[in-house]
Amino acid sequence: MGAGVLLQNLGQYDEAEKVLRETLAVCKRVLGVEHTDTLETCNLAGILMDQGRPEEAEKEFNEVLKIQERVLGMTSPQALRTRHNLAAAL
């Protein structure tokens, strides 16, 4: 479990968001936007939902889903999970 998820589970959403944004930026820079590890790190939308920011979460879900469907396929477990989370956010 990563630090961002741990902080999220502890209800420390602001700190969790900060850690995840930093981690995601490094993953994108080092591995690239379409790398599977980067796509697994893209759970920022969940924290945004926990913070009561559904519009921002929806944007994040849509961006990640677009990449997941292109790279992993529309029926990949990751894309299906993101699609489910997006529907729950709406």
PDB file of N, CA and C in Angstrom:
ATOM      1  N   MET A   1       0.843  -1.166   0.000  1.00  0.00           N
ATOM      2  CA  MET A   1       0.000   0.000   0.000  1.00  0.00           C
ATOM      3  C   MET A   1       0.893   1.235   0.000  1.00  0.00           C
ATOM      4  N   GLY A   2       0.588   2.155  -0.891  1.00  0.00           N
ATOM      5  CA  GLY A   2       1.375   3.362  -0.986  1.00  0.00           C
ATOM      6  C   GLY A   2       1.009   4.375   0.081  1.00  0.00           C
ATOM      7  N   ALA A   3       1.875   5.357   0.256  1.00  0.00           N
ATOM      8  CA  ALA A   3       1.655   6.379   1.279  1.00  0.00           C
ATOM      9  C   ALA A   3       0.374   7.158   1.027  1.00  0.00           C
ATOM     10  N   GLY A   4       0.084   7.457  -0.253  1.00  0.00           N
ATOM     11  CA  GLY A   4      -1.133   8.199  -0.582  1.00  0.00           C
ATOM     12  C   GLY A   4      -2.380   7.450  -0.180  1.00  0.00           C
ATOM     13  N   VAL A   5      -2.409   6.153  -0.425  1.00  0.00           N
ATOM     14  CA  VAL A   5      -3.569   5.327  -0.059  1.00  0.00           C
ATOM     15  C   VAL A   5      -3.681   5.226   1.454  1.00  0.00           C
ATOM     16  N   LEU A   6      -2.570   5.069   2.117  1.00  0.00           N
ATOM     17  CA  LEU A   6      -2.578   4.997   3.579  1.00  0.00           C
ATOM     18  C   LEU A   6      -3.129   6.290   4.169  1.00  0.00           C
ATOM     19  N   LEU A   7      -2.650   7.425   3.662  1.00  0.00           N
ATOM     20  CA  LEU A   7      -3.140   8.713   4.148  1.00  0.00           C
ATOM     21  C   LEU A   7      -4.631   8.876   3.854  1.00  0.00           C
ATOM     22  N   GLN A   8      -5.058   8.408   2.695  1.00  0.00           N
ATOM     23  CA  GLN A   8      -6.475   8.467   2.334  1.00  0.00           C
ATOM     24  C   GLN A   8      -7.295   7.633   3.321  1.00  0.00           C
ATOM     25  N   ASN A   9      -6.827   6.439   3.621  1.00  0.00           N
ATOM     26  CA  ASN A   9      -7.531   5.569   4.558  1.00  0.00           C
ATOM     27  C   ASN A   9      -7.599   6.169   5.961  1.00  0.00           C
ATOM     28  N   LEU A  10      -6.626   6.985   6.296  1.00  0.00           N
ATOM     29  CA  LEU A  10      -6.609   7.653   7.595  1.00  0.00           C
ATOM     30  C   LEU A  10      -7.432   8.942   7.598  1.00  0.00           C
ATOM     31  N   GLY A  11      -7.993   9.277   6.429  1.00  0.00           N
ATOM     32  CA  GLY A  11      -8.806  10.482   6.332  1.00  0.00           C
ATOM     33  C   GLY A  11      -8.001  11.749   6.156  1.00  0.00           C
ATOM     34  N   GLN A  12      -6.716  11.626   5.861  1.00  0.00           N
ATOM     35  CA  GLN A  12      -5.847  12.784   5.658  1.00  0.00           C
ATOM     36  C   GLN A  12      -5.797  13.102   4.161  1.00  0.00           C
ATOM     37  N   TYR A  13      -6.929  13.585   3.646  1.00  0.00           N
ATOM     38  CA  TYR A  13      -7.122  13.716   2.211  1.00  0.00           C
ATOM     39  C   TYR A  13      -6.222  14.757   1.555  1.00  0.00           C
ATOM     40  N   ASP A  14      -6.002  15.880   2.220  1.00  0.00           N
ATOM     41  CA  ASP A  14      -5.147  16.908   1.621  1.00  0.00           C
ATOM     42  C   ASP A  14      -3.720  16.387   1.430  1.00  0.00           C
ATOM     43  N   GLU A  15      -3.198  15.734   2.460  1.00  0.00           N
ATOM     44  CA  GLU A  15      -1.843  15.185   2.377  1.00  0.00           C
ATOM     45  C   GLU A  15      -1.794  14.035   1.363  1.00  0.00           C
ATOM     46  N   ALA A  16      -2.828  13.208   1.340  1.00  0.00           N
ATOM     47  CA  ALA A  16      -2.892  12.110   0.381  1.00  0.00           C
ATOM     48  C   ALA A  16      -2.897  12.642  -1.049  1.00  0.00           C
ATOM     49  N   GLU A  17      -3.669  13.690  -1.269  1.00  0.00           N
ATOM     50  CA  GLU A  17      -3.709  14.292  -2.613  1.00  0.00           C
ATOM     51  C   GLU A  17      -2.331  14.810  -3.009  1.00  0.00           C
ATOM     52  N   LYS A  18      -1.666  15.471  -2.084  1.00  0.00           N
ATOM     53  CA  LYS A  18      -0.325  16.010  -2.366  1.00  0.00           C
ATOM     54  C   LYS A  18       0.641  14.883  -2.739  1.00  0.00           C
ATOM     55  N   VAL A  19       0.653  13.813  -1.949  1.00  0.00           N
ATOM     56  CA  VAL A  19       1.556  12.691  -2.209  1.00  0.00           C
ATOM     57  C   VAL A  19       1.237  12.039  -3.549  1.00  0.00           C
ATOM     58  N   LEU A  20      -0.046  11.826  -3.827  1.00  0.00           N
ATOM     59  CA  LEU A  20      -0.417  11.182  -5.093  1.00  0.00           C
ATOM     60  C   LEU A  20      -0.100  12.053  -6.297  1.00  0.00           C
ATOM     61  N   ARG A  21      -0.318  13.352  -6.176  1.00  0.00           N
ATOM     62  CA  ARG A  21       0.019  14.247  -7.301  1.00  0.00           C
ATOM     63  C   ARG A  21       1.527  14.212  -7.576  1.00  0.00           C
ATOM     64  N   GLU A  22       2.328  14.211  -6.516  1.00  0.00           N
ATOM     65  CA  GLU A  22       3.785  14.152  -6.685  1.00  0.00           C
ATOM     66  C   GLU A  22       4.201  12.819  -7.307  1.00  0.00           C
ATOM     67  N   THR A  23       3.635  11.731  -6.817  1.00  0.00           N
ATOM     68  CA  THR A  23       3.956  10.403  -7.348  1.00  0.00           C
ATOM     69  C   THR A  23       3.542  10.281  -8.804  1.00  0.00           C
ATOM     70  N   LEU A  24       2.362  10.764  -9.112  1.00  0.00           N
ATOM     71  CA  LEU A  24       1.868  10.699 -10.480  1.00  0.00           C
ATOM     72  C   LEU A  24       2.740  11.515 -11.428  1.00  0.00           C
ATOM     73  N   ALA A  25       3.181  12.686 -10.985  1.00  0.00           N
ATOM     74  CA  ALA A  25       4.049  13.523 -11.814  1.00  0.00           C
ATOM     75  C   ALA A  25       5.363  12.807 -12.119  1.00  0.00           C
ATOM     76  N   VAL A  26       5.938  12.142 -11.116  1.00  0.00           N
ATOM     77  CA  VAL A  26       7.189  11.401 -11.327  1.00  0.00           C
ATOM     78  C   VAL A  26       6.956  10.234 -12.278  1.00  0.00           C
ATOM     79  N   CYS A  27       5.881   9.490 -12.062  1.00  0.00           N
ATOM     80  CA  CYS A  27       5.575   8.354 -12.952  1.00  0.00           C
ATOM     81  C   CYS A  27       5.418   8.806 -14.393  1.00  0.00           C
ATOM     82  N   LYS A  28       4.686   9.896 -14.595  1.00  0.00           N
ATOM     83  CA  LYS A  28       4.481  10.402 -15.960  1.00  0.00           C
ATOM     84  C   LYS A  28       5.802  10.828 -16.589  1.00  0.00           C
ATOM     85  N   ARG A  29       6.647  11.487 -15.802  1.00  0.00           N
ATOM     86  CA  ARG A  29       7.922  11.974 -16.326  1.00  0.00           C
ATOM     87  C   ARG A  29       8.885  10.832 -16.621  1.00  0.00           C
ATOM     88  N   VAL A  30       8.974   9.868 -15.718  1.00  0.00           N
ATOM     89  CA  VAL A  30       9.961   8.801 -15.837  1.00  0.00           C
ATOM     90  C   VAL A  30       9.467   7.655 -16.730  1.00  0.00           C
ATOM     91  N   LEU A  31       8.225   7.226 -16.509  1.00  0.00           N
ATOM     92  CA  LEU A  31       7.704   6.055 -17.213  1.00  0.00           C
ATOM     93  C   LEU A  31       6.861   6.407 -18.434  1.00  0.00           C
ATOM     94  N   GLY A  32       6.225   7.569 -18.391  1.00  0.00           N
ATOM     95  CA  GLY A  32       5.337   7.973 -19.471  1.00  0.00           C
ATOM     96  C   GLY A  32       3.884   7.816 -19.054  1.00  0.00           C
ATOM     97  N   VAL A  33       3.018   8.548 -19.724  1.00  0.00           N
ATOM     98  CA  VAL A  33       1.596   8.588 -19.397  1.00  0.00           C
ATOM     99  C   VAL A  33       0.918   7.245 -19.617  1.00  0.00           C
ATOM    100  N   GLU A  34       1.375   6.483 -20.600  1.00  0.00           N
ATOM    101  CA  GLU A  34       0.696   5.241 -20.967  1.00  0.00           C
ATOM    102  C   GLU A  34       1.284   3.990 -20.309  1.00  0.00           C
ATOM    103  N   HIS A  35       2.282   4.143 -19.485  1.00  0.00           N
ATOM    104  CA  HIS A  35       2.876   2.988 -18.814  1.00  0.00           C
ATOM    105  C   HIS A  35       1.877   2.422 -17.810  1.00  0.00           C
ATOM    106  N   THR A  36       1.833   1.103 -17.696  1.00  0.00           N
ATOM    107  CA  THR A  36       0.861   0.466 -16.805  1.00  0.00           C
ATOM    108  C   THR A  36       1.040   0.884 -15.347  1.00  0.00           C
ATOM    109  N   ASP A  37       2.260   1.088 -14.902  1.00  0.00           N
ATOM    110  CA  ASP A  37       2.472   1.537 -13.518  1.00  0.00           C
ATOM    111  C   ASP A  37       1.916   2.945 -13.305  1.00  0.00           C
ATOM    112  N   THR A  38       2.053   3.797 -14.311  1.00  0.00           N
ATOM    113  CA  THR A  38       1.480   5.139 -14.221  1.00  0.00           C
ATOM    114  C   THR A  38      -0.036   5.048 -14.151  1.00  0.00           C
ATOM    115  N   LEU A  39      -0.618   4.193 -14.971  1.00  0.00           N
ATOM    116  CA  LEU A  39      -2.069   4.045 -14.974  1.00  0.00           C
ATOM    117  C   LEU A  39      -2.586   3.493 -13.652  1.00  0.00           C
ATOM    118  N   GLU A  40      -1.807   2.665 -12.995  1.00  0.00           N
ATOM    119  CA  GLU A  40      -2.204   2.144 -11.683  1.00  0.00           C
ATOM    120  C   GLU A  40      -2.097   3.218 -10.604  1.00  0.00           C
ATOM    121  N   THR A  41      -1.251   4.211 -10.815  1.00  0.00           N
ATOM    122  CA  THR A  41      -1.055   5.289  -9.842  1.00  0.00           C
ATOM    123  C   THR A  41      -2.157   6.334  -9.953  1.00  0.00           C
ATOM    124  N   CYS A  42      -2.911   6.286 -11.025  1.00  0.00           N
ATOM    125  CA  CYS A  42      -3.918   7.314 -11.292  1.00  0.00           C
ATOM    126  C   CYS A  42      -5.174   7.132 -10.459  1.00  0.00           C
ATOM    127  N   ASN A  43      -5.055   7.050  -9.161  1.00  0.00           N
ATOM    128  CA  ASN A  43      -6.228   6.928  -8.311  1.00  0.00           C
ATOM    129  C   ASN A  43      -6.526   8.235  -7.578  1.00  0.00           C
ATOM    130  N   LEU A  44      -6.097   9.312  -8.159  1.00  0.00           N
ATOM    131  CA  LEU A  44      -6.319  10.634  -7.593  1.00  0.00           C
ATOM    132  C   LEU A  44      -7.807  10.958  -7.510  1.00  0.00           C
ATOM    133  N   ALA A  45      -8.585  10.472  -8.447  1.00  0.00           N
ATOM    134  CA  ALA A  45     -10.014  10.789  -8.483  1.00  0.00           C
ATOM    135  C   ALA A  45     -10.725  10.319  -7.217  1.00  0.00           C
ATOM    136  N   GLY A  46     -10.318   9.193  -6.673  1.00  0.00           N
ATOM    137  CA  GLY A  46     -10.938   8.702  -5.446  1.00  0.00           C
ATOM    138  C   GLY A  46     -10.763   9.668  -4.287  1.00  0.00           C
ATOM    139  N   ILE A  47      -9.596  10.249  -4.188  1.00  0.00           N
ATOM    140  CA  ILE A  47      -9.342  11.225  -3.129  1.00  0.00           C
ATOM    141  C   ILE A  47     -10.165  12.484  -3.360  1.00  0.00           C
ATOM    142  N   LEU A  48     -10.272  12.885  -4.620  1.00  0.00           N
ATOM    143  CA  LEU A  48     -11.086  14.058  -4.927  1.00  0.00           C
ATOM    144  C   LEU A  48     -12.549  13.817  -4.550  1.00  0.00           C
ATOM    145  N   MET A  49     -13.027  12.602  -4.776  1.00  0.00           N
ATOM    146  CA  MET A  49     -14.391  12.263  -4.365  1.00  0.00           C
ATOM    147  C   MET A  49     -14.521  12.334  -2.842  1.00  0.00           C
ATOM    148  N   ASP A  50     -13.540  11.795  -2.137  1.00  0.00           N
ATOM    149  CA  ASP A  50     -13.571  11.824  -0.672  1.00  0.00           C
ATOM    150  C   ASP A  50     -13.574  13.251  -0.137  1.00  0.00           C
ATOM    151  N   GLN A  51     -13.007  14.160  -0.910  1.00  0.00           N
ATOM    152  CA  GLN A  51     -12.936  15.564  -0.501  1.00  0.00           C
ATOM    153  C   GLN A  51     -14.189  16.337  -0.916  1.00  0.00           C
ATOM    154  N   GLY A  52     -15.147  15.664  -1.558  1.00  0.00           N
ATOM    155  CA  GLY A  52     -16.358  16.347  -1.997  1.00  0.00           C
ATOM    156  C   GLY A  52     -16.134  17.204  -3.223  1.00  0.00           C
ATOM    157  N   ARG A  53     -15.267  16.746  -4.113  1.00  0.00           N
ATOM    158  CA  ARG A  53     -14.938  17.475  -5.337  1.00  0.00           C
ATOM    159  C   ARG A  53     -15.271  16.609  -6.555  1.00  0.00           C
ATOM    160  N   PRO A  54     -16.565  16.291  -6.755  1.00  0.00           N
ATOM    161  CA  PRO A  54     -16.944  15.345  -7.804  1.00  0.00           C
ATOM    162  C   PRO A  54     -16.653  15.819  -9.227  1.00  0.00           C
ATOM    163  N   GLU A  55     -16.717  17.115  -9.479  1.00  0.00           N
ATOM    164  CA  GLU A  55     -16.447  17.602 -10.835  1.00  0.00           C
ATOM    165  C   GLU A  55     -14.991  17.342 -11.220  1.00  0.00           C
ATOM    166  N   GLU A  56     -14.081  17.599 -10.283  1.00  0.00           N
ATOM    167  CA  GLU A  56     -12.664  17.342 -10.534  1.00  0.00           C
ATOM    168  C   GLU A  56     -12.409  15.842 -10.655  1.00  0.00           C
ATOM    169  N   ALA A  57     -13.075  15.063  -9.815  1.00  0.00           N
ATOM    170  CA  ALA A  57     -12.922  13.604  -9.863  1.00  0.00           C
ATOM    171  C   ALA A  57     -13.402  13.067 -11.206  1.00  0.00           C
ATOM    172  N   GLU A  58     -14.530  13.567 -11.669  1.00  0.00           N
ATOM    173  CA  GLU A  58     -15.063  13.117 -12.961  1.00  0.00           C
ATOM    174  C   GLU A  58     -14.062  13.388 -14.086  1.00  0.00           C
ATOM    175  N   LYS A  59     -13.450  14.556 -14.056  1.00  0.00           N
ATOM    176  CA  LYS A  59     -12.445  14.904 -15.074  1.00  0.00           C
ATOM    177  C   LYS A  59     -11.270  13.922 -15.014  1.00  0.00           C
ATOM    178  N   GLU A  60     -10.783  13.637 -13.799  1.00  0.00           N
ATOM    179  CA  GLU A  60      -9.665  12.694 -13.631  1.00  0.00           C
ATOM    180  C   GLU A  60     -10.052  11.297 -14.113  1.00  0.00           C
ATOM    181  N   PHE A  61     -11.239  10.825 -13.711  1.00  0.00           N
ATOM    182  CA  PHE A  61     -11.699   9.507 -14.152  1.00  0.00           C
ATOM    183  C   PHE A  61     -11.739   9.434 -15.674  1.00  0.00           C
ATOM    184  N   ASN A  62     -12.289  10.463 -16.305  1.00  0.00           N
ATOM    185  CA  ASN A  62     -12.409  10.458 -17.770  1.00  0.00           C
ATOM    186  C   ASN A  62     -11.046  10.451 -18.456  1.00  0.00           C
ATOM    187  N   GLU A  63     -10.101  11.222 -17.944  1.00  0.00           N
ATOM    188  CA  GLU A  63      -8.761  11.259 -18.540  1.00  0.00           C
ATOM    189  C   GLU A  63      -8.072   9.904 -18.435  1.00  0.00           C
ATOM    190  N   VAL A  64      -8.161   9.295 -17.260  1.00  0.00           N
ATOM    191  CA  VAL A  64      -7.529   7.992 -17.047  1.00  0.00           C
ATOM    192  C   VAL A  64      -8.210   6.922 -17.896  1.00  0.00           C
ATOM    193  N   LEU A  65      -9.540   6.954 -17.918  1.00  0.00           N
ATOM    194  CA  LEU A  65     -10.293   5.958 -18.680  1.00  0.00           C
ATOM    195  C   LEU A  65      -9.940   6.016 -20.165  1.00  0.00           C
ATOM    196  N   LYS A  66      -9.805   7.192 -20.696  1.00  0.00           N
ATOM    197  CA  LYS A  66      -9.453   7.361 -22.113  1.00  0.00           C
ATOM    198  C   LYS A  66      -8.118   6.671 -22.418  1.00  0.00           C
ATOM    199  N   ILE A  67      -7.142   6.873 -21.558  1.00  0.00           N
ATOM    200  CA  ILE A  67      -5.823   6.258 -21.759  1.00  0.00           C
ATOM    201  C   ILE A  67      -5.896   4.751 -21.541  1.00  0.00           C
ATOM    202  N   GLN A  68      -6.581   4.328 -20.475  1.00  0.00           N
ATOM    203  CA  GLN A  68      -6.699   2.895 -20.196  1.00  0.00           C
ATOM    204  C   GLN A  68      -7.352   2.154 -21.356  1.00  0.00           C
ATOM    205  N   GLU A  69      -8.423   2.704 -21.888  1.00  0.00           N
ATOM    206  CA  GLU A  69      -9.104   2.035 -22.996  1.00  0.00           C
ATOM    207  C   GLU A  69      -8.213   1.949 -24.230  1.00  0.00           C
ATOM    208  N   ARG A  70      -7.436   2.997 -24.483  1.00  0.00           N
ATOM    209  CA  ARG A  70      -6.544   2.999 -25.641  1.00  0.00           C
ATOM    210  C   ARG A  70      -5.385   2.016 -25.454  1.00  0.00           C
ATOM    211  N   VAL A  71      -4.796   2.000 -24.268  1.00  0.00           N
ATOM    212  CA  VAL A  71      -3.599   1.200 -24.015  1.00  0.00           C
ATOM    213  C   VAL A  71      -3.936  -0.235 -23.616  1.00  0.00           C
ATOM    214  N   LEU A  72      -4.900  -0.397 -22.729  1.00  0.00           N
ATOM    215  CA  LEU A  72      -5.192  -1.705 -22.152  1.00  0.00           C
ATOM    216  C   LEU A  72      -6.407  -2.386 -22.767  1.00  0.00           C
ATOM    217  N   GLY A  73      -7.242  -1.607 -23.431  1.00  0.00           N
ATOM    218  CA  GLY A  73      -8.455  -2.153 -24.028  1.00  0.00           C
ATOM    219  C   GLY A  73      -9.683  -1.798 -23.202  1.00  0.00           C
ATOM    220  N   MET A  74     -10.811  -1.724 -23.884  1.00  0.00           N
ATOM    221  CA  MET A  74     -12.060  -1.316 -23.236  1.00  0.00           C
ATOM    222  C   MET A  74     -12.541  -2.308 -22.186  1.00  0.00           C
ATOM    223  N   THR A  75     -12.141  -3.563 -22.330  1.00  0.00           N
ATOM    224  CA  THR A  75     -12.616  -4.578 -21.389  1.00  0.00           C
ATOM    225  C   THR A  75     -11.549  -4.995 -20.377  1.00  0.00           C
ATOM    226  N   SER A  76     -10.479  -4.222 -20.285  1.00  0.00           N
ATOM    227  CA  SER A  76      -9.455  -4.540 -19.287  1.00  0.00           C
ATOM    228  C   SER A  76     -10.026  -4.311 -17.893  1.00  0.00           C
ATOM    229  N   PRO A  77      -9.549  -5.075 -16.923  1.00  0.00           N
ATOM    230  CA  PRO A  77     -10.042  -4.877 -15.547  1.00  0.00           C
ATOM    231  C   PRO A  77      -9.859  -3.445 -15.058  1.00  0.00           C
ATOM    232  N   GLN A  78      -8.758  -2.815 -15.427  1.00  0.00           N
ATOM    233  CA  GLN A  78      -8.503  -1.450 -14.976  1.00  0.00           C
ATOM    234  C   GLN A  78      -9.528  -0.480 -15.570  1.00  0.00           C
ATOM    235  N   ALA A  79      -9.798  -0.615 -16.873  1.00  0.00           N
ATOM    236  CA  ALA A  79     -10.767   0.275 -17.520  1.00  0.00           C
ATOM    237  C   ALA A  79     -12.173   0.034 -16.972  1.00  0.00           C
ATOM    238  N   LEU A  80     -12.513  -1.222 -16.748  1.00  0.00           N
ATOM    239  CA  LEU A  80     -13.833  -1.525 -16.197  1.00  0.00           C
ATOM    240  C   LEU A  80     -13.984  -0.952 -14.790  1.00  0.00           C
ATOM    241  N   ARG A  81     -12.944  -1.047 -13.979  1.00  0.00           N
ATOM    242  CA  ARG A  81     -12.973  -0.493 -12.626  1.00  0.00           C
ATOM    243  C   ARG A  81     -13.114   1.032 -12.677  1.00  0.00           C
ATOM    244  N   THR A  82     -12.368   1.665 -13.572  1.00  0.00           N
ATOM    245  CA  THR A  82     -12.450   3.120 -13.694  1.00  0.00           C
ATOM    246  C   THR A  82     -13.831   3.537 -14.185  1.00  0.00           C
ATOM    247  N   ARG A  83     -14.372   2.802 -15.148  1.00  0.00           N
ATOM    248  CA  ARG A  83     -15.709   3.108 -15.658  1.00  0.00           C
ATOM    249  C   ARG A  83     -16.743   2.981 -14.521  1.00  0.00           C
ATOM    250  N   HIS A  84     -16.620   1.944 -13.717  1.00  0.00           N
ATOM    251  CA  HIS A  84     -17.521   1.754 -12.578  1.00  0.00           C
ATOM    252  C   HIS A  84     -17.392   2.925 -11.597  1.00  0.00           C
ATOM    253  N   ASN A  85     -16.174   3.307 -11.271  1.00  0.00           N
ATOM    254  CA  ASN A  85     -15.952   4.404 -10.341  1.00  0.00           C
ATOM    255  C   ASN A  85     -16.478   5.731 -10.900  1.00  0.00           C
ATOM    256  N   LEU A  86     -16.336   5.908 -12.199  1.00  0.00           N
ATOM    257  CA  LEU A  86     -16.873   7.111 -12.843  1.00  0.00           C
ATOM    258  C   LEU A  86     -18.386   7.149 -12.728  1.00  0.00           C
ATOM    259  N   ALA A  87     -19.031   6.027 -12.987  1.00  0.00           N
ATOM    260  CA  ALA A  87     -20.498   5.975 -12.873  1.00  0.00           C
ATOM    261  C   ALA A  87     -20.942   6.267 -11.445  1.00  0.00           C
ATOM    262  N   ALA A  88     -20.206   5.759 -10.482  1.00  0.00           N
ATOM    263  CA  ALA A  88     -20.561   6.010  -9.081  1.00  0.00           C
ATOM    264  C   ALA A  88     -20.368   7.483  -8.704  1.00  0.00           C
ATOM    265  N   ALA A  89     -19.458   8.150  -9.393  1.00  0.00           N
ATOM    266  CA  ALA A  89     -19.181   9.559  -9.089  1.00  0.00           C
ATOM    267  C   ALA A  89     -20.235  10.490  -9.659  1.00  0.00           C
ATOM    268  N   LEU A  90     -20.952  10.023 -10.661  1.00  0.00           N
ATOM    269  CA  LEU A  90     -21.933  10.904 -11.325  1.00  0.00           C
ATOM    270  C   LEU A  90     -23.231  11.008 -10.585  1.00  0.00           C
TER     271      LEU A  90
END
